[in-house]
Amino acid sequence: YKFSKINFQLEEISKGLNYPWGMTFIDDENLLITEKNGRLLKINISTGEQEEVSHELNILTGRQGGLLDVLYHDKYVYFTYSQLRDDVYSSSAIARGKLINNTIIDTEILLSAEPKLKTTIHFGSRVIIKDNYLFASFGERGQGMIAQDPTSHPGSIIRIHLDGSIPDDNPKFINQPTWLPEIYQIGVRNPQGMALSPFDSEIYI
């Protein structure tokens, strides 16, 4: 592809964020931004005003864990995060809820990675929506070859419907009967970048 030379001018909108990890526009004026420490902020891009948005996600914070990606789509806010489970165990997880008056309500956990693990690294956790499918990257949690195990979620790309149900054309139902039904691709380490290309409408990690 040929790119024309475009001059960009940077403009500071807001500051004082604590390890911002993901962001999404909810309208033309407002962004939601996650911080790894678990805070969710709404920022007005015209005024720079920050407002904290409350939520009920049970988050493991510290090291590489935290509140990670966020994506607003069709009245829902989708999250990926490191979910605290049983005090010392955690999983990469996907949840969604609705934003009402600076509060996330009706929160649903769409998927928690199995097995839960004690490590606090490599959660992956980027999320993309394409054609009403939700794709998420789950890191291999520092476990190496677990990424080659299709009966475990860590180290894979997940593909589910927006309500958390499983597409009937995922690999398990086509040509990989041993795979977990949510898994779309195996063998990834810790994808922390995922984008829908404006050129060919493919997802790149």
N, C-alpha and C. Protein backbone atom coordinates (compact mmCIF):
# COMPACT_ATOMS: atom_id res chain seq x y z
N TYR A 1 0.83 -1.19 0.00
CA TYR A 1 0.00 0.00 0.00
C TYR A 1 0.88 1.26 0.00
N LYS A 2 0.43 2.27 -0.70
CA LYS A 2 1.13 3.54 -0.68
C LYS A 2 0.51 4.44 0.37
N PHE A 3 1.35 5.09 1.13
CA PHE A 3 0.89 6.03 2.15
C PHE A 3 1.32 7.44 1.75
N SER A 4 0.39 8.37 1.76
CA SER A 4 0.76 9.76 1.51
C SER A 4 1.37 10.34 2.77
N LYS A 5 2.16 11.38 2.62
CA LYS A 5 2.77 12.02 3.78
C LYS A 5 1.73 12.91 4.46
N ILE A 6 1.46 12.61 5.70
CA ILE A 6 0.46 13.36 6.46
C ILE A 6 1.15 13.96 7.68
N ASN A 7 0.93 15.23 7.91
CA ASN A 7 1.48 15.88 9.10
C ASN A 7 0.47 15.80 10.24
N PHE A 8 0.91 15.30 11.38
CA PHE A 8 0.06 15.20 12.55
C PHE A 8 0.49 16.24 13.59
N GLN A 9 -0.48 16.81 14.25
CA GLN A 9 -0.20 17.72 15.35
C GLN A 9 -0.77 17.13 16.62
N LEU A 10 0.08 16.93 17.63
CA LEU A 10 -0.36 16.33 18.89
C LEU A 10 -0.94 17.40 19.81
N GLU A 11 -2.02 17.04 20.46
CA GLU A 11 -2.67 17.95 21.40
C GLU A 11 -2.95 17.19 22.69
N GLU A 12 -2.47 17.72 23.81
CA GLU A 12 -2.70 17.07 25.10
C GLU A 12 -4.17 17.22 25.49
N ILE A 13 -4.78 16.10 25.82
CA ILE A 13 -6.20 16.10 26.21
C ILE A 13 -6.34 16.04 27.72
N SER A 14 -5.58 15.15 28.35
CA SER A 14 -5.68 14.96 29.80
C SER A 14 -4.38 14.33 30.26
N LYS A 15 -4.12 14.33 31.55
CA LYS A 15 -2.88 13.75 32.07
C LYS A 15 -3.12 13.21 33.47
N GLY A 16 -2.06 12.61 34.03
CA GLY A 16 -2.16 12.05 35.38
C GLY A 16 -2.70 10.64 35.40
N LEU A 17 -2.67 9.94 34.28
CA LEU A 17 -3.16 8.57 34.24
C LEU A 17 -2.13 7.62 34.84
N ASN A 18 -2.61 6.52 35.40
CA ASN A 18 -1.76 5.54 36.05
C ASN A 18 -1.74 4.25 35.22
N TYR A 19 -0.73 4.10 34.37
CA TYR A 19 -0.61 2.94 33.49
C TYR A 19 -1.89 2.66 32.70
N PRO A 20 -2.30 3.59 31.85
CA PRO A 20 -3.47 3.33 31.00
C PRO A 20 -3.18 2.18 30.05
N TRP A 21 -4.17 1.30 29.84
CA TRP A 21 -3.92 0.08 29.08
C TRP A 21 -4.80 -0.03 27.84
N GLY A 22 -6.06 0.37 27.95
CA GLY A 22 -6.96 0.29 26.81
C GLY A 22 -7.86 1.51 26.78
N MET A 23 -8.37 1.83 25.58
CA MET A 23 -9.31 2.95 25.49
C MET A 23 -10.29 2.72 24.36
N THR A 24 -11.46 3.36 24.48
CA THR A 24 -12.51 3.23 23.48
C THR A 24 -13.40 4.46 23.52
N PHE A 25 -13.81 4.93 22.37
CA PHE A 25 -14.77 6.04 22.32
C PHE A 25 -16.17 5.52 22.59
N ILE A 26 -16.91 6.22 23.46
CA ILE A 26 -18.32 5.89 23.66
C ILE A 26 -19.24 6.85 22.92
N ASP A 27 -18.70 8.00 22.52
CA ASP A 27 -19.40 8.95 21.65
C ASP A 27 -18.33 9.89 21.09
N ASP A 28 -18.74 10.94 20.42
CA ASP A 28 -17.77 11.83 19.78
C ASP A 28 -16.95 12.64 20.78
N GLU A 29 -17.40 12.72 22.03
CA GLU A 29 -16.75 13.58 23.01
C GLU A 29 -16.06 12.84 24.14
N ASN A 30 -16.38 11.57 24.33
CA ASN A 30 -15.93 10.88 25.54
C ASN A 30 -15.25 9.55 25.26
N LEU A 31 -14.16 9.35 25.99
CA LEU A 31 -13.38 8.11 25.95
C LEU A 31 -13.53 7.36 27.27
N LEU A 32 -13.55 6.03 27.20
CA LEU A 32 -13.31 5.22 28.39
C LEU A 32 -11.87 4.74 28.33
N ILE A 33 -11.16 4.85 29.44
CA ILE A 33 -9.78 4.42 29.53
C ILE A 33 -9.61 3.52 30.75
N THR A 34 -8.98 2.37 30.55
CA THR A 34 -8.68 1.49 31.69
C THR A 34 -7.30 1.81 32.24
N GLU A 35 -7.15 1.64 33.53
CA GLU A 35 -5.84 1.66 34.18
C GLU A 35 -5.56 0.28 34.74
N LYS A 36 -4.28 -0.12 34.72
CA LYS A 36 -3.95 -1.46 35.19
C LYS A 36 -4.34 -1.68 36.65
N ASN A 37 -4.39 -0.60 37.43
CA ASN A 37 -4.74 -0.74 38.85
C ASN A 37 -6.22 -1.05 39.07
N GLY A 38 -7.01 -1.13 38.00
CA GLY A 38 -8.42 -1.48 38.12
C GLY A 38 -9.39 -0.33 37.93
N ARG A 39 -8.85 0.90 37.86
CA ARG A 39 -9.75 2.04 37.66
C ARG A 39 -10.20 2.12 36.21
N LEU A 40 -11.46 2.56 36.04
CA LEU A 40 -12.01 2.85 34.72
C LEU A 40 -12.40 4.32 34.72
N LEU A 41 -11.89 5.07 33.73
CA LEU A 41 -12.11 6.51 33.68
C LEU A 41 -12.86 6.89 32.42
N LYS A 42 -13.73 7.88 32.55
CA LYS A 42 -14.35 8.52 31.38
C LYS A 42 -13.71 9.90 31.23
N ILE A 43 -13.18 10.18 30.04
CA ILE A 43 -12.46 11.43 29.82
C ILE A 43 -13.11 12.17 28.66
N ASN A 44 -13.45 13.43 28.91
CA ASN A 44 -13.99 14.31 27.87
C ASN A 44 -12.83 14.87 27.06
N ILE A 45 -12.82 14.63 25.75
CA ILE A 45 -11.67 15.02 24.96
C ILE A 45 -11.64 16.52 24.68
N SER A 46 -12.73 17.23 24.93
CA SER A 46 -12.73 18.68 24.74
C SER A 46 -12.23 19.42 25.97
N THR A 47 -12.65 18.93 27.15
CA THR A 47 -12.31 19.63 28.39
C THR A 47 -11.18 18.94 29.17
N GLY A 48 -10.92 17.66 28.88
CA GLY A 48 -9.93 16.90 29.65
C GLY A 48 -10.44 16.40 30.98
N GLU A 49 -11.72 16.68 31.29
CA GLU A 49 -12.29 16.27 32.58
C GLU A 49 -12.30 14.75 32.70
N GLN A 50 -11.86 14.27 33.87
CA GLN A 50 -11.86 12.84 34.16
C GLN A 50 -12.93 12.52 35.19
N GLU A 51 -13.70 11.47 34.93
CA GLU A 51 -14.68 10.98 35.89
C GLU A 51 -14.46 9.48 36.06
N GLU A 52 -14.45 9.02 37.29
CA GLU A 52 -14.27 7.59 37.53
C GLU A 52 -15.58 6.86 37.32
N VAL A 53 -15.49 5.72 36.65
CA VAL A 53 -16.65 4.86 36.38
C VAL A 53 -16.53 3.64 37.27
N SER A 54 -17.56 3.36 38.04
CA SER A 54 -17.50 2.22 38.96
C SER A 54 -17.88 0.93 38.25
N HIS A 55 -17.30 -0.17 38.72
CA HIS A 55 -17.60 -1.49 38.16
C HIS A 55 -17.42 -2.51 39.27
N GLU A 56 -17.81 -3.75 39.00
CA GLU A 56 -17.74 -4.81 40.00
C GLU A 56 -16.85 -5.96 39.57
N LEU A 57 -15.92 -5.72 38.66
CA LEU A 57 -15.03 -6.78 38.22
C LEU A 57 -14.04 -7.14 39.32
N ASN A 58 -13.80 -8.44 39.51
CA ASN A 58 -12.88 -8.93 40.53
C ASN A 58 -11.51 -9.11 39.89
N ILE A 59 -10.65 -8.12 40.09
CA ILE A 59 -9.42 -8.01 39.30
C ILE A 59 -8.19 -8.32 40.12
N LEU A 60 -7.30 -9.14 39.53
CA LEU A 60 -5.97 -9.32 40.09
C LEU A 60 -5.10 -8.19 39.57
N THR A 61 -4.57 -7.36 40.46
CA THR A 61 -3.67 -6.28 40.05
C THR A 61 -2.25 -6.61 40.49
N GLY A 62 -1.30 -5.98 39.87
CA GLY A 62 0.10 -6.24 40.19
C GLY A 62 0.78 -7.01 39.08
N ARG A 63 2.09 -6.78 38.95
CA ARG A 63 2.87 -7.31 37.84
C ARG A 63 2.16 -7.01 36.52
N GLN A 64 1.80 -8.01 35.73
CA GLN A 64 1.18 -7.73 34.43
C GLN A 64 -0.35 -7.80 34.49
N GLY A 65 -0.89 -8.09 35.66
CA GLY A 65 -2.34 -8.19 35.79
C GLY A 65 -3.00 -6.84 35.96
N GLY A 66 -4.30 -6.79 35.73
CA GLY A 66 -5.06 -5.57 35.94
C GLY A 66 -6.28 -5.52 35.05
N LEU A 67 -6.89 -4.33 35.03
CA LEU A 67 -7.97 -4.06 34.09
C LEU A 67 -7.31 -3.72 32.77
N LEU A 68 -7.59 -4.46 31.73
CA LEU A 68 -6.79 -4.39 30.52
C LEU A 68 -7.57 -3.74 29.38
N ASP A 69 -8.00 -4.47 28.39
CA ASP A 69 -8.61 -3.80 27.24
C ASP A 69 -10.08 -3.46 27.49
N VAL A 70 -10.57 -2.52 26.67
CA VAL A 70 -11.97 -2.09 26.77
C VAL A 70 -12.43 -1.73 25.37
N LEU A 71 -13.69 -2.06 25.07
CA LEU A 71 -14.25 -1.79 23.75
C LEU A 71 -15.74 -1.53 23.88
N TYR A 72 -16.17 -0.37 23.37
CA TYR A 72 -17.60 -0.03 23.40
C TYR A 72 -18.23 -0.44 22.08
N HIS A 73 -19.35 -1.17 22.15
CA HIS A 73 -20.01 -1.64 20.93
C HIS A 73 -21.49 -1.86 21.20
N ASP A 74 -22.32 -1.12 20.49
CA ASP A 74 -23.77 -1.35 20.50
C ASP A 74 -24.34 -1.39 21.92
N LYS A 75 -24.07 -0.33 22.68
CA LYS A 75 -24.62 -0.11 24.03
C LYS A 75 -23.95 -0.96 25.11
N TYR A 76 -23.01 -1.82 24.75
CA TYR A 76 -22.29 -2.61 25.74
C TYR A 76 -20.83 -2.17 25.80
N VAL A 77 -20.24 -2.31 27.00
CA VAL A 77 -18.81 -2.11 27.19
C VAL A 77 -18.20 -3.49 27.45
N TYR A 78 -17.27 -3.88 26.59
CA TYR A 78 -16.59 -5.18 26.72
C TYR A 78 -15.22 -4.96 27.36
N PHE A 79 -14.85 -5.86 28.26
CA PHE A 79 -13.60 -5.75 28.99
C PHE A 79 -12.81 -7.05 28.85
N THR A 80 -11.48 -6.95 28.85
CA THR A 80 -10.63 -8.08 29.18
C THR A 80 -9.81 -7.69 30.40
N TYR A 81 -9.55 -8.66 31.25
CA TYR A 81 -8.88 -8.35 32.52
C TYR A 81 -8.33 -9.63 33.12
N SER A 82 -7.47 -9.47 34.12
CA SER A 82 -6.97 -10.62 34.87
C SER A 82 -7.92 -10.83 36.05
N GLN A 83 -8.66 -11.90 35.97
CA GLN A 83 -9.70 -12.19 36.96
C GLN A 83 -9.11 -12.92 38.16
N LEU A 84 -9.31 -12.36 39.34
CA LEU A 84 -8.85 -13.00 40.57
C LEU A 84 -9.80 -14.13 40.93
N ARG A 85 -9.22 -15.31 41.12
CA ARG A 85 -10.02 -16.49 41.44
C ARG A 85 -9.38 -17.23 42.61
N ASP A 86 -10.12 -17.44 43.67
CA ASP A 86 -9.64 -18.24 44.81
C ASP A 86 -8.34 -17.71 45.40
N ASP A 87 -8.27 -16.42 45.66
CA ASP A 87 -7.17 -15.76 46.36
C ASP A 87 -5.85 -15.71 45.59
N VAL A 88 -5.31 -16.83 45.19
CA VAL A 88 -3.99 -16.82 44.54
C VAL A 88 -4.05 -17.24 43.08
N TYR A 89 -5.18 -17.67 42.62
CA TYR A 89 -5.32 -18.11 41.23
C TYR A 89 -5.97 -17.01 40.41
N SER A 90 -5.66 -17.01 39.11
CA SER A 90 -6.24 -16.01 38.23
C SER A 90 -6.37 -16.56 36.82
N SER A 91 -7.16 -15.86 36.02
CA SER A 91 -7.39 -16.23 34.62
C SER A 91 -7.52 -14.97 33.79
N SER A 92 -7.16 -15.05 32.52
CA SER A 92 -7.61 -14.04 31.58
C SER A 92 -9.11 -14.20 31.43
N ALA A 93 -9.83 -13.08 31.39
CA ALA A 93 -11.29 -13.16 31.35
C ALA A 93 -11.87 -12.08 30.46
N ILE A 94 -13.07 -12.34 29.96
CA ILE A 94 -13.83 -11.40 29.14
C ILE A 94 -15.16 -11.16 29.83
N ALA A 95 -15.55 -9.88 29.93
CA ALA A 95 -16.83 -9.54 30.54
C ALA A 95 -17.46 -8.40 29.74
N ARG A 96 -18.75 -8.18 29.97
CA ARG A 96 -19.41 -7.03 29.37
C ARG A 96 -20.46 -6.49 30.34
N GLY A 97 -20.78 -5.21 30.17
CA GLY A 97 -21.82 -4.58 30.96
C GLY A 97 -22.30 -3.35 30.23
N LYS A 98 -23.25 -2.64 30.84
CA LYS A 98 -23.79 -1.43 30.25
C LYS A 98 -23.39 -0.22 31.10
N LEU A 99 -23.06 0.87 30.44
CA LEU A 99 -22.64 2.09 31.12
C LEU A 99 -23.85 2.99 31.35
N ILE A 100 -24.22 3.16 32.63
CA ILE A 100 -25.34 4.01 33.02
C ILE A 100 -24.88 4.92 34.14
N ASN A 101 -24.92 6.24 33.91
CA ASN A 101 -24.59 7.21 34.96
C ASN A 101 -23.26 6.90 35.65
N ASN A 102 -22.21 6.69 34.84
CA ASN A 102 -20.86 6.43 35.34
C ASN A 102 -20.77 5.17 36.20
N THR A 103 -21.63 4.20 35.90
CA THR A 103 -21.58 2.91 36.56
C THR A 103 -21.77 1.82 35.50
N ILE A 104 -20.95 0.77 35.59
CA ILE A 104 -21.17 -0.39 34.74
C ILE A 104 -22.16 -1.30 35.45
N ILE A 105 -23.30 -1.55 34.81
CA ILE A 105 -24.34 -2.39 35.40
C ILE A 105 -24.54 -3.65 34.56
N ASP A 106 -25.30 -4.58 35.12
CA ASP A 106 -25.65 -5.83 34.43
C ASP A 106 -24.40 -6.54 33.89
N THR A 107 -23.35 -6.60 34.71
CA THR A 107 -22.10 -7.20 34.27
C THR A 107 -22.26 -8.71 34.09
N GLU A 108 -21.78 -9.20 32.95
CA GLU A 108 -21.77 -10.63 32.65
C GLU A 108 -20.34 -11.05 32.34
N ILE A 109 -19.89 -12.14 32.94
CA ILE A 109 -18.59 -12.72 32.58
C ILE A 109 -18.85 -13.67 31.42
N LEU A 110 -18.27 -13.36 30.27
CA LEU A 110 -18.50 -14.16 29.08
C LEU A 110 -17.59 -15.38 29.01
N LEU A 111 -16.37 -15.26 29.54
CA LEU A 111 -15.44 -16.39 29.51
C LEU A 111 -14.31 -16.16 30.50
N SER A 112 -14.01 -17.18 31.29
CA SER A 112 -12.83 -17.20 32.15
C SER A 112 -11.94 -18.33 31.68
N ALA A 113 -10.67 -18.03 31.44
CA ALA A 113 -9.76 -19.04 30.90
C ALA A 113 -9.56 -20.18 31.89
N GLU A 114 -9.51 -21.38 31.36
CA GLU A 114 -9.17 -22.57 32.12
C GLU A 114 -7.92 -23.20 31.53
N PRO A 115 -7.01 -23.69 32.37
CA PRO A 115 -7.12 -23.74 33.82
C PRO A 115 -6.75 -22.41 34.47
N LYS A 116 -7.27 -22.16 35.68
CA LYS A 116 -6.80 -21.02 36.45
C LYS A 116 -5.39 -21.31 36.93
N LEU A 117 -4.57 -20.26 37.03
CA LEU A 117 -3.14 -20.44 37.32
C LEU A 117 -2.68 -19.45 38.38
N LYS A 118 -1.54 -19.74 39.01
CA LYS A 118 -1.00 -18.87 40.05
C LYS A 118 -0.11 -17.77 39.49
N THR A 119 0.34 -17.86 38.26
CA THR A 119 1.27 -16.88 37.73
C THR A 119 0.58 -15.54 37.51
N THR A 120 1.40 -14.49 37.46
CA THR A 120 0.85 -13.12 37.33
C THR A 120 1.38 -12.42 36.09
N ILE A 121 1.69 -13.20 35.05
CA ILE A 121 2.21 -12.62 33.81
C ILE A 121 1.46 -13.18 32.60
N HIS A 122 1.65 -12.49 31.46
CA HIS A 122 1.21 -12.95 30.14
C HIS A 122 -0.30 -13.23 30.08
N PHE A 123 -1.09 -12.20 30.37
CA PHE A 123 -2.55 -12.34 30.27
C PHE A 123 -3.06 -12.04 28.86
N GLY A 124 -2.20 -11.49 28.00
CA GLY A 124 -2.66 -11.13 26.65
C GLY A 124 -3.69 -10.02 26.72
N SER A 125 -4.91 -10.36 26.35
CA SER A 125 -6.08 -9.54 26.69
C SER A 125 -6.34 -8.33 25.80
N ARG A 126 -6.14 -8.46 24.49
CA ARG A 126 -6.72 -7.49 23.57
C ARG A 126 -8.03 -8.05 23.03
N VAL A 127 -8.93 -7.15 22.64
CA VAL A 127 -10.25 -7.57 22.17
C VAL A 127 -10.63 -6.78 20.92
N ILE A 128 -11.23 -7.48 19.96
CA ILE A 128 -11.68 -6.90 18.70
C ILE A 128 -13.07 -7.47 18.40
N ILE A 129 -13.93 -6.67 17.81
CA ILE A 129 -15.21 -7.17 17.31
C ILE A 129 -15.23 -7.02 15.80
N LYS A 130 -15.54 -8.12 15.11
CA LYS A 130 -15.65 -8.13 13.66
C LYS A 130 -16.87 -8.97 13.27
N ASP A 131 -17.76 -8.39 12.49
CA ASP A 131 -18.95 -9.12 12.00
C ASP A 131 -19.73 -9.76 13.15
N ASN A 132 -19.85 -9.05 14.27
CA ASN A 132 -20.58 -9.54 15.44
C ASN A 132 -19.96 -10.79 16.08
N TYR A 133 -18.68 -11.01 15.82
CA TYR A 133 -17.90 -11.98 16.57
C TYR A 133 -16.91 -11.21 17.44
N LEU A 134 -16.68 -11.71 18.64
CA LEU A 134 -15.70 -11.11 19.52
C LEU A 134 -14.46 -11.99 19.53
N PHE A 135 -13.31 -11.38 19.20
CA PHE A 135 -12.02 -12.06 19.23
C PHE A 135 -11.22 -11.50 20.40
N ALA A 136 -10.58 -12.37 21.17
CA ALA A 136 -9.75 -11.93 22.29
C ALA A 136 -8.47 -12.73 22.31
N SER A 137 -7.38 -12.08 22.73
CA SER A 137 -6.10 -12.77 22.85
C SER A 137 -5.87 -13.15 24.31
N PHE A 138 -5.57 -14.42 24.53
CA PHE A 138 -5.25 -14.93 25.86
C PHE A 138 -3.78 -15.34 25.87
N GLY A 139 -2.97 -14.68 26.70
CA GLY A 139 -1.57 -15.04 26.81
C GLY A 139 -1.37 -16.41 27.46
N GLU A 140 -0.14 -16.97 27.33
CA GLU A 140 0.09 -18.33 27.83
C GLU A 140 0.55 -18.36 29.28
N ARG A 141 0.45 -17.20 29.95
CA ARG A 141 0.67 -17.09 31.39
C ARG A 141 2.07 -17.54 31.80
N GLY A 142 3.03 -17.45 30.89
CA GLY A 142 4.39 -17.87 31.21
C GLY A 142 4.58 -19.37 31.25
N GLN A 143 3.61 -20.12 30.74
CA GLN A 143 3.65 -21.58 30.81
C GLN A 143 4.18 -22.23 29.54
N GLY A 144 4.66 -21.42 28.59
CA GLY A 144 5.32 -21.98 27.41
C GLY A 144 4.42 -22.87 26.57
N MET A 145 4.71 -24.17 26.59
CA MET A 145 4.07 -25.11 25.67
C MET A 145 2.58 -25.31 25.91
N ILE A 146 2.03 -24.72 26.97
CA ILE A 146 0.58 -24.79 27.15
C ILE A 146 -0.13 -24.16 25.95
N ALA A 147 0.58 -23.27 25.25
CA ALA A 147 0.00 -22.62 24.08
C ALA A 147 -0.26 -23.60 22.95
N GLN A 148 0.37 -24.78 22.99
CA GLN A 148 0.13 -25.81 21.98
C GLN A 148 -0.93 -26.81 22.41
N ASP A 149 -1.53 -26.58 23.58
CA ASP A 149 -2.54 -27.50 24.10
C ASP A 149 -3.93 -26.95 23.82
N PRO A 150 -4.66 -27.50 22.88
CA PRO A 150 -5.98 -26.95 22.52
C PRO A 150 -7.07 -27.27 23.53
N THR A 151 -6.72 -28.01 24.60
CA THR A 151 -7.70 -28.26 25.65
C THR A 151 -7.54 -27.27 26.81
N SER A 152 -6.65 -26.27 26.63
CA SER A 152 -6.46 -25.20 27.61
C SER A 152 -6.58 -23.86 26.89
N HIS A 153 -7.18 -22.88 27.54
CA HIS A 153 -7.35 -21.56 26.92
C HIS A 153 -6.06 -20.74 26.81
N PRO A 154 -5.14 -20.78 27.80
CA PRO A 154 -3.96 -19.91 27.70
C PRO A 154 -3.17 -20.16 26.41
N GLY A 155 -2.72 -19.06 25.80
CA GLY A 155 -1.94 -19.17 24.57
C GLY A 155 -2.78 -19.34 23.33
N SER A 156 -3.97 -18.72 23.33
CA SER A 156 -4.86 -18.90 22.19
C SER A 156 -5.60 -17.61 21.85
N ILE A 157 -6.18 -17.62 20.66
CA ILE A 157 -7.11 -16.58 20.25
C ILE A 157 -8.52 -17.14 20.41
N ILE A 158 -9.36 -16.40 21.10
CA ILE A 158 -10.73 -16.81 21.39
C ILE A 158 -11.68 -16.16 20.38
N ARG A 159 -12.70 -16.90 19.98
CA ARG A 159 -13.75 -16.35 19.10
C ARG A 159 -15.11 -16.80 19.64
N ILE A 160 -15.90 -15.81 20.06
CA ILE A 160 -17.23 -16.10 20.60
C ILE A 160 -18.22 -15.09 20.02
N HIS A 161 -19.50 -15.39 20.19
CA HIS A 161 -20.52 -14.40 19.88
C HIS A 161 -20.52 -13.31 20.96
N LEU A 162 -21.16 -12.18 20.67
CA LEU A 162 -21.12 -11.05 21.58
C LEU A 162 -21.80 -11.34 22.92
N ASP A 163 -22.68 -12.33 22.96
CA ASP A 163 -23.33 -12.68 24.22
C ASP A 163 -22.59 -13.81 24.95
N GLY A 164 -21.44 -14.21 24.41
CA GLY A 164 -20.66 -15.27 25.04
C GLY A 164 -20.94 -16.66 24.51
N SER A 165 -21.95 -16.81 23.68
CA SER A 165 -22.23 -18.13 23.10
C SER A 165 -21.18 -18.46 22.06
N ILE A 166 -21.14 -19.71 21.64
CA ILE A 166 -20.04 -20.21 20.82
C ILE A 166 -20.49 -20.39 19.37
N PRO A 167 -19.75 -19.82 18.42
CA PRO A 167 -20.10 -20.00 17.01
C PRO A 167 -19.99 -21.46 16.58
N ASP A 168 -20.96 -21.91 15.78
CA ASP A 168 -20.95 -23.31 15.37
C ASP A 168 -19.99 -23.59 14.22
N ASP A 169 -19.25 -22.54 13.77
CA ASP A 169 -18.22 -22.77 12.77
C ASP A 169 -16.82 -22.53 13.32
N ASN A 170 -16.68 -22.56 14.65
CA ASN A 170 -15.35 -22.55 15.25
C ASN A 170 -14.63 -23.87 14.92
N PRO A 171 -13.30 -23.88 15.02
CA PRO A 171 -12.55 -25.08 14.60
C PRO A 171 -13.02 -26.39 15.21
N LYS A 172 -13.44 -26.36 16.48
CA LYS A 172 -13.88 -27.61 17.12
C LYS A 172 -14.97 -28.31 16.31
N PHE A 173 -15.82 -27.55 15.69
CA PHE A 173 -16.98 -28.13 15.01
C PHE A 173 -16.72 -28.36 13.51
N ILE A 174 -15.52 -27.98 13.06
CA ILE A 174 -15.19 -28.13 11.65
C ILE A 174 -14.14 -29.23 11.44
N ASN A 175 -12.96 -29.04 12.04
CA ASN A 175 -11.90 -30.02 11.77
C ASN A 175 -10.95 -30.25 12.94
N GLN A 176 -11.30 -29.71 14.13
CA GLN A 176 -10.43 -29.87 15.31
C GLN A 176 -11.27 -30.33 16.50
N PRO A 177 -11.74 -31.56 16.50
CA PRO A 177 -12.69 -32.00 17.54
C PRO A 177 -12.14 -32.00 18.95
N THR A 178 -10.80 -31.99 19.10
CA THR A 178 -10.23 -32.02 20.46
C THR A 178 -10.09 -30.62 21.06
N TRP A 179 -10.30 -29.57 20.26
CA TRP A 179 -10.11 -28.21 20.76
C TRP A 179 -11.26 -27.78 21.66
N LEU A 180 -10.98 -26.90 22.61
CA LEU A 180 -12.05 -26.24 23.34
C LEU A 180 -12.91 -25.44 22.35
N PRO A 181 -14.21 -25.38 22.59
CA PRO A 181 -15.10 -24.77 21.58
C PRO A 181 -14.87 -23.29 21.35
N GLU A 182 -14.30 -22.57 22.33
CA GLU A 182 -14.10 -21.12 22.18
C GLU A 182 -12.82 -20.78 21.41
N ILE A 183 -11.93 -21.75 21.24
CA ILE A 183 -10.61 -21.47 20.67
C ILE A 183 -10.68 -21.38 19.15
N TYR A 184 -10.08 -20.30 18.62
CA TYR A 184 -10.03 -20.07 17.18
C TYR A 184 -8.63 -20.30 16.61
N GLN A 185 -7.61 -20.07 17.44
CA GLN A 185 -6.22 -20.28 17.03
C GLN A 185 -5.42 -20.63 18.27
N ILE A 186 -4.46 -21.56 18.12
CA ILE A 186 -3.58 -21.89 19.23
C ILE A 186 -2.16 -21.41 18.92
N GLY A 187 -1.28 -21.52 19.91
CA GLY A 187 0.14 -21.32 19.68
C GLY A 187 0.61 -19.88 19.71
N VAL A 188 -0.05 -19.04 20.50
CA VAL A 188 0.40 -17.65 20.63
C VAL A 188 0.97 -17.45 22.03
N ARG A 189 1.93 -16.52 22.16
CA ARG A 189 2.61 -16.35 23.44
C ARG A 189 1.87 -15.36 24.33
N ASN A 190 1.86 -14.10 23.93
CA ASN A 190 1.24 -13.09 24.80
C ASN A 190 0.82 -11.88 23.95
N PRO A 191 -0.13 -12.05 23.05
CA PRO A 191 -0.46 -10.95 22.12
C PRO A 191 -1.08 -9.76 22.86
N GLN A 192 -0.37 -8.63 22.80
CA GLN A 192 -0.89 -7.42 23.43
C GLN A 192 -1.15 -6.33 22.40
N GLY A 193 -1.22 -6.73 21.14
CA GLY A 193 -1.67 -5.83 20.09
C GLY A 193 -2.57 -6.62 19.16
N MET A 194 -3.75 -6.07 18.86
CA MET A 194 -4.65 -6.72 17.92
C MET A 194 -5.49 -5.63 17.26
N ALA A 195 -5.56 -5.67 15.93
CA ALA A 195 -6.23 -4.59 15.22
C ALA A 195 -6.97 -5.14 14.02
N LEU A 196 -8.06 -4.46 13.68
CA LEU A 196 -8.83 -4.76 12.47
C LEU A 196 -8.33 -3.83 11.38
N SER A 197 -7.75 -4.40 10.33
CA SER A 197 -7.13 -3.59 9.28
C SER A 197 -8.18 -2.85 8.46
N PRO A 198 -7.96 -1.54 8.23
CA PRO A 198 -8.87 -0.80 7.34
C PRO A 198 -8.62 -1.10 5.87
N PHE A 199 -7.54 -1.81 5.56
CA PHE A 199 -7.19 -2.10 4.17
C PHE A 199 -7.81 -3.38 3.65
N ASP A 200 -7.78 -4.44 4.47
CA ASP A 200 -8.30 -5.72 3.98
C ASP A 200 -9.31 -6.36 4.93
N SER A 201 -9.69 -5.64 6.02
CA SER A 201 -10.69 -6.10 6.99
C SER A 201 -10.30 -7.42 7.67
N GLU A 202 -9.00 -7.69 7.70
CA GLU A 202 -8.51 -8.86 8.43
C GLU A 202 -8.01 -8.41 9.80
N ILE A 203 -8.00 -9.37 10.74
CA ILE A 203 -7.50 -9.10 12.08
C ILE A 203 -6.02 -9.48 12.15
N TYR A 204 -5.20 -8.56 12.65
CA TYR A 204 -3.77 -8.79 12.81
C TYR A 204 -3.42 -8.73 14.29
N ILE A 205 -2.55 -9.67 14.74
CA ILE A 205 -2.10 -9.67 16.13
C ILE A 205 -0.59 -9.48 16.15
